[in-house]
Amino acid sequence: MKTLYRSIFFLSLLIVFYLSLVPAAAIPNIAALDFLGDKLIHAVIFLFLSFVGLNCHFNISKTFLLIMIFSFGFTIEVIHHYHPYRFFEIADLIANLIGILIALVIFNKKII
């Protein structure tokens, strides 16, 4: 099962990275999202990445894994600062962090 989670995790990272580089207008229904909808998507994506990452049971601490996932999101935001069709947004980082923290609560409480 660990192998399946790891495959999903790394594939998801690639997909998120790719979708973060293309112009938002190129992604159907994403360009039409309002501010809260966009932040909700960020939170859900990082909740998913974090929950799957935690279930991979890498030989690192949960804290280090979640810091790396947050750093992944931060790196994407830095790229957005230089990208002609994207923008750096602190609110995206906050939404990412909320998703990560929710995943940690779910994982620790064994809710799913």
N, C-alpha and C. Protein backbone atom coordinates (compact mmCIF):
# COMPACT_ATOMS: atom_id res chain seq x y z
N MET A 1 0.82 -1.19 0.00
CA MET A 1 0.00 0.00 0.00
C MET A 1 0.87 1.26 0.00
N LYS A 2 2.04 1.18 0.69
CA LYS A 2 2.95 2.31 0.76
C LYS A 2 3.41 2.72 -0.64
N THR A 3 3.65 1.74 -1.51
CA THR A 3 4.09 2.02 -2.88
C THR A 3 3.02 2.75 -3.65
N LEU A 4 1.77 2.36 -3.47
CA LEU A 4 0.66 3.03 -4.15
C LEU A 4 0.57 4.48 -3.69
N TYR A 5 0.62 4.71 -2.38
CA TYR A 5 0.56 6.07 -1.86
C TYR A 5 1.73 6.92 -2.39
N ARG A 6 2.91 6.34 -2.45
CA ARG A 6 4.07 7.08 -2.94
C ARG A 6 3.93 7.42 -4.42
N SER A 7 3.39 6.49 -5.20
CA SER A 7 3.16 6.75 -6.62
C SER A 7 2.15 7.88 -6.80
N ILE A 8 1.07 7.82 -6.05
CA ILE A 8 0.05 8.87 -6.11
C ILE A 8 0.63 10.22 -5.67
N PHE A 9 1.43 10.18 -4.62
CA PHE A 9 2.03 11.40 -4.09
C PHE A 9 2.91 12.09 -5.13
N PHE A 10 3.85 11.36 -5.70
CA PHE A 10 4.78 11.98 -6.65
C PHE A 10 4.09 12.37 -7.95
N LEU A 11 3.14 11.57 -8.41
CA LEU A 11 2.37 11.93 -9.60
C LEU A 11 1.56 13.21 -9.32
N SER A 12 0.98 13.31 -8.14
CA SER A 12 0.21 14.49 -7.77
C SER A 12 1.09 15.73 -7.72
N LEU A 13 2.30 15.60 -7.18
CA LEU A 13 3.23 16.73 -7.17
C LEU A 13 3.52 17.22 -8.58
N LEU A 14 3.74 16.28 -9.49
CA LEU A 14 4.02 16.65 -10.89
C LEU A 14 2.82 17.35 -11.52
N ILE A 15 1.63 16.83 -11.29
CA ILE A 15 0.43 17.42 -11.87
C ILE A 15 0.20 18.83 -11.31
N VAL A 16 0.34 18.99 -10.01
CA VAL A 16 0.15 20.30 -9.38
C VAL A 16 1.20 21.28 -9.92
N PHE A 17 2.44 20.84 -10.03
CA PHE A 17 3.49 21.72 -10.54
C PHE A 17 3.18 22.14 -11.97
N TYR A 18 2.80 21.20 -12.81
CA TYR A 18 2.47 21.51 -14.20
C TYR A 18 1.31 22.51 -14.28
N LEU A 19 0.23 22.22 -13.55
CA LEU A 19 -0.95 23.09 -13.60
C LEU A 19 -0.64 24.48 -13.02
N SER A 20 0.37 24.57 -12.18
CA SER A 20 0.76 25.85 -11.62
C SER A 20 1.55 26.70 -12.60
N LEU A 21 2.09 26.08 -13.63
CA LEU A 21 2.89 26.81 -14.60
C LEU A 21 2.09 27.29 -15.80
N VAL A 22 1.05 26.58 -16.15
CA VAL A 22 0.26 27.00 -17.32
C VAL A 22 -0.61 28.20 -16.92
N PRO A 23 -0.94 29.07 -17.88
CA PRO A 23 -1.83 30.19 -17.55
C PRO A 23 -3.17 29.68 -17.02
N ALA A 24 -3.71 30.35 -16.02
CA ALA A 24 -4.98 29.94 -15.42
C ALA A 24 -6.09 29.88 -16.46
N ALA A 25 -6.03 30.74 -17.46
CA ALA A 25 -7.05 30.76 -18.50
C ALA A 25 -7.05 29.47 -19.32
N ALA A 26 -5.92 28.74 -19.30
CA ALA A 26 -5.81 27.49 -20.06
C ALA A 26 -6.44 26.31 -19.33
N ILE A 27 -6.81 26.50 -18.08
CA ILE A 27 -7.42 25.43 -17.29
C ILE A 27 -8.92 25.68 -17.23
N PRO A 28 -9.72 24.78 -17.81
CA PRO A 28 -11.17 25.02 -17.85
C PRO A 28 -11.76 25.24 -16.46
N ASN A 29 -12.62 26.22 -16.35
CA ASN A 29 -13.37 26.56 -15.14
C ASN A 29 -12.53 27.15 -14.00
N ILE A 30 -11.24 27.20 -14.14
CA ILE A 30 -10.41 27.75 -13.06
C ILE A 30 -10.36 29.28 -13.14
N ALA A 31 -10.26 29.81 -14.35
CA ALA A 31 -10.17 31.26 -14.51
C ALA A 31 -11.43 31.95 -13.99
N ALA A 32 -12.55 31.25 -13.97
CA ALA A 32 -13.82 31.86 -13.55
C ALA A 32 -14.03 31.84 -12.04
N LEU A 33 -13.12 31.24 -11.28
CA LEU A 33 -13.29 31.15 -9.83
C LEU A 33 -13.14 32.52 -9.18
N ASP A 34 -13.93 32.74 -8.14
CA ASP A 34 -13.77 33.96 -7.36
C ASP A 34 -12.64 33.74 -6.35
N PHE A 35 -12.37 34.76 -5.56
CA PHE A 35 -11.26 34.71 -4.61
C PHE A 35 -11.39 33.53 -3.64
N LEU A 36 -12.57 33.37 -3.02
CA LEU A 36 -12.74 32.29 -2.05
C LEU A 36 -12.69 30.92 -2.70
N GLY A 37 -13.23 30.79 -3.90
CA GLY A 37 -13.16 29.52 -4.62
C GLY A 37 -11.73 29.11 -4.91
N ASP A 38 -10.92 30.09 -5.31
CA ASP A 38 -9.51 29.83 -5.60
C ASP A 38 -8.79 29.37 -4.33
N LYS A 39 -9.06 30.03 -3.21
CA LYS A 39 -8.38 29.66 -1.97
C LYS A 39 -8.85 28.29 -1.48
N LEU A 40 -10.12 27.98 -1.68
CA LEU A 40 -10.64 26.67 -1.32
C LEU A 40 -9.93 25.58 -2.12
N ILE A 41 -9.73 25.82 -3.40
CA ILE A 41 -9.00 24.84 -4.24
C ILE A 41 -7.58 24.65 -3.71
N HIS A 42 -6.91 25.75 -3.35
CA HIS A 42 -5.56 25.64 -2.78
C HIS A 42 -5.57 24.78 -1.52
N ALA A 43 -6.51 25.05 -0.63
CA ALA A 43 -6.58 24.29 0.62
C ALA A 43 -6.83 22.81 0.35
N VAL A 44 -7.74 22.50 -0.56
CA VAL A 44 -8.06 21.10 -0.87
C VAL A 44 -6.87 20.39 -1.50
N ILE A 45 -6.19 21.06 -2.42
CA ILE A 45 -5.02 20.45 -3.08
C ILE A 45 -3.94 20.14 -2.03
N PHE A 46 -3.66 21.08 -1.14
CA PHE A 46 -2.60 20.84 -0.17
C PHE A 46 -3.04 19.91 0.95
N LEU A 47 -4.33 19.85 1.23
CA LEU A 47 -4.86 18.83 2.14
C LEU A 47 -4.60 17.45 1.53
N PHE A 48 -4.93 17.31 0.25
CA PHE A 48 -4.73 16.03 -0.44
C PHE A 48 -3.25 15.65 -0.47
N LEU A 49 -2.39 16.59 -0.92
CA LEU A 49 -0.95 16.29 -0.99
C LEU A 49 -0.40 15.88 0.38
N SER A 50 -0.81 16.60 1.40
CA SER A 50 -0.31 16.32 2.75
C SER A 50 -0.82 14.99 3.28
N PHE A 51 -2.10 14.72 3.09
CA PHE A 51 -2.67 13.47 3.59
C PHE A 51 -2.03 12.28 2.89
N VAL A 52 -1.89 12.35 1.58
CA VAL A 52 -1.24 11.25 0.84
C VAL A 52 0.22 11.14 1.26
N GLY A 53 0.91 12.28 1.39
CA GLY A 53 2.31 12.26 1.81
C GLY A 53 2.49 11.64 3.18
N LEU A 54 1.59 11.95 4.11
CA LEU A 54 1.67 11.37 5.45
C LEU A 54 1.45 9.85 5.42
N ASN A 55 0.60 9.41 4.51
CA ASN A 55 0.34 7.97 4.39
C ASN A 55 1.44 7.22 3.65
N CYS A 56 2.40 7.95 3.09
CA CYS A 56 3.54 7.30 2.44
C CYS A 56 4.52 6.73 3.47
N HIS A 57 4.47 7.24 4.68
CA HIS A 57 5.36 6.81 5.77
C HIS A 57 6.83 6.85 5.35
N PHE A 58 7.23 8.02 4.82
CA PHE A 58 8.64 8.23 4.49
C PHE A 58 9.46 8.16 5.78
N ASN A 59 10.74 7.89 5.65
CA ASN A 59 11.61 7.80 6.83
C ASN A 59 12.08 9.18 7.28
N ILE A 60 11.14 10.10 7.37
CA ILE A 60 11.39 11.46 7.86
C ILE A 60 10.25 11.80 8.81
N SER A 61 10.43 12.84 9.59
CA SER A 61 9.38 13.23 10.52
C SER A 61 8.20 13.83 9.77
N LYS A 62 7.03 13.75 10.39
CA LYS A 62 5.83 14.35 9.79
C LYS A 62 6.04 15.86 9.63
N THR A 63 6.67 16.46 10.61
CA THR A 63 6.91 17.90 10.55
C THR A 63 7.77 18.27 9.35
N PHE A 64 8.85 17.53 9.15
CA PHE A 64 9.74 17.81 8.01
C PHE A 64 8.99 17.61 6.69
N LEU A 65 8.21 16.55 6.57
CA LEU A 65 7.44 16.29 5.35
C LEU A 65 6.49 17.46 5.07
N LEU A 66 5.78 17.90 6.09
CA LEU A 66 4.81 18.98 5.89
C LEU A 66 5.49 20.31 5.59
N ILE A 67 6.66 20.53 6.16
CA ILE A 67 7.43 21.73 5.81
C ILE A 67 7.86 21.67 4.35
N MET A 68 8.25 20.49 3.89
CA MET A 68 8.65 20.34 2.49
C MET A 68 7.45 20.57 1.55
N ILE A 69 6.28 20.09 1.93
CA ILE A 69 5.09 20.31 1.11
C ILE A 69 4.74 21.80 1.08
N PHE A 70 4.83 22.46 2.24
CA PHE A 70 4.60 23.91 2.26
C PHE A 70 5.64 24.62 1.41
N SER A 71 6.89 24.19 1.48
CA SER A 71 7.97 24.79 0.68
C SER A 71 7.71 24.61 -0.81
N PHE A 72 7.14 23.48 -1.18
CA PHE A 72 6.74 23.24 -2.57
C PHE A 72 5.75 24.33 -3.00
N GLY A 73 4.75 24.59 -2.18
CA GLY A 73 3.77 25.63 -2.49
C GLY A 73 4.40 27.01 -2.53
N PHE A 74 5.33 27.27 -1.60
CA PHE A 74 6.02 28.55 -1.58
C PHE A 74 6.85 28.73 -2.86
N THR A 75 7.54 27.68 -3.28
CA THR A 75 8.33 27.73 -4.51
C THR A 75 7.45 28.04 -5.71
N ILE A 76 6.28 27.44 -5.76
CA ILE A 76 5.34 27.72 -6.85
C ILE A 76 4.93 29.19 -6.83
N GLU A 77 4.68 29.72 -5.64
CA GLU A 77 4.30 31.14 -5.54
C GLU A 77 5.44 32.05 -5.98
N VAL A 78 6.68 31.70 -5.66
CA VAL A 78 7.82 32.50 -6.12
C VAL A 78 7.90 32.46 -7.64
N ILE A 79 7.69 31.30 -8.22
CA ILE A 79 7.66 31.18 -9.68
C ILE A 79 6.55 32.06 -10.24
N HIS A 80 5.40 32.09 -9.59
CA HIS A 80 4.29 32.93 -10.04
C HIS A 80 4.67 34.41 -10.07
N HIS A 81 5.53 34.82 -9.16
CA HIS A 81 5.97 36.21 -9.12
C HIS A 81 6.65 36.60 -10.44
N TYR A 82 7.35 35.67 -11.04
CA TYR A 82 8.07 35.94 -12.28
C TYR A 82 7.31 35.48 -13.53
N HIS A 83 6.22 34.79 -13.35
CA HIS A 83 5.43 34.24 -14.46
C HIS A 83 4.54 35.35 -15.03
N PRO A 84 4.50 35.48 -16.36
CA PRO A 84 3.72 36.59 -16.94
C PRO A 84 2.20 36.48 -16.74
N TYR A 85 1.67 35.31 -16.49
CA TYR A 85 0.22 35.13 -16.37
C TYR A 85 -0.23 34.73 -14.96
N ARG A 86 0.65 34.74 -14.02
CA ARG A 86 0.32 34.35 -12.65
C ARG A 86 0.82 35.41 -11.68
N PHE A 87 0.35 35.34 -10.44
CA PHE A 87 0.71 36.33 -9.44
C PHE A 87 1.04 35.65 -8.11
N PHE A 88 2.03 36.19 -7.41
CA PHE A 88 2.36 35.74 -6.05
C PHE A 88 1.26 36.24 -5.13
N GLU A 89 0.69 35.34 -4.32
CA GLU A 89 -0.35 35.74 -3.39
C GLU A 89 -0.10 35.11 -2.02
N ILE A 90 0.00 35.95 -1.01
CA ILE A 90 0.15 35.48 0.36
C ILE A 90 -1.07 34.64 0.75
N ALA A 91 -2.25 35.05 0.28
CA ALA A 91 -3.48 34.32 0.61
C ALA A 91 -3.42 32.87 0.11
N ASP A 92 -2.74 32.63 -1.00
CA ASP A 92 -2.56 31.25 -1.48
C ASP A 92 -1.73 30.45 -0.49
N LEU A 93 -0.68 31.06 0.05
CA LEU A 93 0.17 30.37 1.03
C LEU A 93 -0.61 30.06 2.30
N ILE A 94 -1.45 30.99 2.72
CA ILE A 94 -2.27 30.76 3.91
C ILE A 94 -3.25 29.62 3.67
N ALA A 95 -3.87 29.60 2.48
CA ALA A 95 -4.80 28.52 2.13
C ALA A 95 -4.06 27.18 2.08
N ASN A 96 -2.85 27.18 1.52
CA ASN A 96 -2.05 25.96 1.47
C ASN A 96 -1.78 25.45 2.90
N LEU A 97 -1.39 26.36 3.78
CA LEU A 97 -1.09 26.00 5.16
C LEU A 97 -2.33 25.45 5.88
N ILE A 98 -3.48 26.05 5.63
CA ILE A 98 -4.72 25.55 6.23
C ILE A 98 -4.99 24.12 5.78
N GLY A 99 -4.83 23.85 4.48
CA GLY A 99 -5.01 22.49 3.97
C GLY A 99 -4.05 21.51 4.61
N ILE A 100 -2.79 21.92 4.76
CA ILE A 100 -1.77 21.06 5.38
C ILE A 100 -2.15 20.74 6.83
N LEU A 101 -2.57 21.75 7.57
CA LEU A 101 -2.92 21.55 8.97
C LEU A 101 -4.17 20.67 9.14
N ILE A 102 -5.14 20.84 8.26
CA ILE A 102 -6.33 19.98 8.30
C ILE A 102 -5.94 18.53 8.03
N ALA A 103 -5.05 18.32 7.06
CA ALA A 103 -4.59 16.96 6.76
C ALA A 103 -3.89 16.35 7.97
N LEU A 104 -3.10 17.14 8.67
CA LEU A 104 -2.40 16.64 9.86
C LEU A 104 -3.39 16.23 10.94
N VAL A 105 -4.43 17.03 11.14
CA VAL A 105 -5.45 16.70 12.14
C VAL A 105 -6.17 15.39 11.74
N ILE A 106 -6.55 15.30 10.48
CA ILE A 106 -7.25 14.10 10.00
C ILE A 106 -6.35 12.87 10.16
N PHE A 107 -5.09 13.00 9.79
CA PHE A 107 -4.15 11.88 9.87
C PHE A 107 -3.92 11.46 11.32
N ASN A 108 -3.71 12.43 12.21
CA ASN A 108 -3.43 12.12 13.61
C ASN A 108 -4.64 11.54 14.33
N LYS A 109 -5.82 11.95 13.95
CA LYS A 109 -7.04 11.45 14.61
C LYS A 109 -7.56 10.20 13.93
N LYS A 110 -6.91 9.76 12.84
CA LYS A 110 -7.31 8.57 12.09
C LYS A 110 -8.79 8.66 11.67
N ILE A 111 -9.19 9.86 11.24
CA ILE A 111 -10.57 10.09 10.81
C ILE A 111 -10.85 9.33 9.51
N ILE A 112 -9.85 9.33 8.63
CA ILE A 112 -10.01 8.60 7.36
C ILE A 112 -9.00 7.47 7.33
